[in-house]
Protein backbone atom coordinates (compact mmCIF):
# COMPACT_ATOMS: atom_id res chain seq x y z
CA MET A 1 0.00 0.00 0.00
CA THR A 2 1.33 3.47 -0.83
CA ILE A 3 0.44 6.57 1.16
CA LYS A 4 1.05 9.86 -0.66
CA ASN A 5 1.24 13.32 0.88
CA PRO A 6 0.64 16.02 -1.76
CA THR A 7 0.64 18.83 0.83
CA VAL A 8 3.31 21.19 2.19
CA MET A 9 2.84 19.88 5.77
CA PRO A 10 4.03 16.57 7.25
CA VAL A 11 1.16 14.14 7.82
CA SER A 12 0.98 11.43 10.46
CA TRP A 13 -0.92 8.22 9.71
CA ARG A 14 -1.96 5.08 11.55
CA LEU A 15 -3.85 1.89 10.80
CA VAL A 16 -6.91 1.47 13.02
CA GLY A 17 -8.50 -1.94 13.51
CA PHE A 18 -5.59 -3.96 12.16
CA GLU A 19 -5.48 -6.11 15.30
CA THR A 20 -9.00 -7.40 14.56
CA LEU A 21 -7.79 -9.20 11.42
CA GLY A 22 -6.05 -11.94 13.38
CA GLU A 23 -2.55 -13.34 13.63
CA GLU A 24 -2.50 -14.38 9.96
CA PHE A 25 -2.05 -10.72 9.02
CA SER A 26 1.07 -8.74 9.84
CA CYS A 27 2.38 -5.27 9.21
CA GLN A 28 5.78 -3.93 10.23
CA ASP A 29 4.59 -0.32 10.63
CA LEU A 30 1.14 0.45 12.03
CA GLU A 31 1.82 4.19 12.14
CA GLY A 32 4.23 6.73 10.79
CA CYS A 33 4.80 10.07 9.14
CA VAL A 34 4.78 11.15 5.49
CA MET A 35 6.88 14.20 4.80
CA PRO A 36 5.64 16.93 2.40
CA TYR A 37 5.37 15.87 -1.26
CA SER A 38 6.53 12.34 -0.37
CA THR A 39 5.19 8.81 -0.40
CA VAL A 40 5.54 5.94 2.06
CA THR A 41 5.13 2.28 1.20
CA VAL A 42 3.48 0.09 3.85
CA SER A 43 3.75 -3.67 3.41
CA LEU A 44 0.97 -5.93 4.65
CA SER A 45 1.43 -9.70 4.83
CA PHE A 46 -1.08 -12.55 4.92
CA GLN A 47 0.16 -16.01 5.92
CA PRO A 48 -2.73 -18.35 6.69
CA THR A 49 -2.05 -21.52 8.64
CA ARG A 50 -5.46 -22.97 7.77
CA PRO A 51 -8.41 -22.09 5.50
CA LEU A 52 -10.14 -18.89 6.67
CA VAL A 53 -13.43 -17.17 6.14
CA LEU A 54 -13.17 -13.41 6.65
CA ASN A 55 -16.47 -11.71 7.32
CA LYS A 56 -16.36 -7.99 6.55
CA LYS A 57 -13.39 -6.97 8.65
CA PHE A 58 -12.36 -3.38 8.14
CA VAL A 59 -9.11 -1.52 8.63
CA LYS A 60 -9.01 2.22 8.18
CA ILE A 61 -6.21 4.71 7.82
CA GLU A 62 -6.39 7.80 9.99
CA ALA A 63 -4.29 10.73 8.87
CA SER A 64 -3.70 14.11 10.48
CA LEU A 65 -1.43 17.09 9.97
CA LEU A 66 1.50 17.29 12.34
CA SER A 67 1.51 20.53 14.26
CA VAL A 68 4.91 22.09 14.65
CA ILE A 69 5.44 24.78 17.25
CA CYS A 70 8.54 26.90 16.94
CA ILE A 71 9.56 29.21 19.75
CA GLY A 72 12.18 31.83 18.95
CA ILE A 73 14.33 33.09 21.79
CA GLU A 74 16.72 36.00 21.33
CA VAL A 75 19.70 36.38 23.63
């Protein structure tokens, strides 16, 4: 899966509900940051140990802008 950030601000992302899929599914990164005008590739793996029936399980991606606060101090 590729997450693209076409904005000038860094964007944080996270997968919500991934744990409900079961141990057959794995993902190295469940959250992260996409810098401005960049893409991030997230790899998902499925390794079943037996036949499975998946009944409408959902995973969503939540994304939000990272807020950066800069404080200038003059000496």
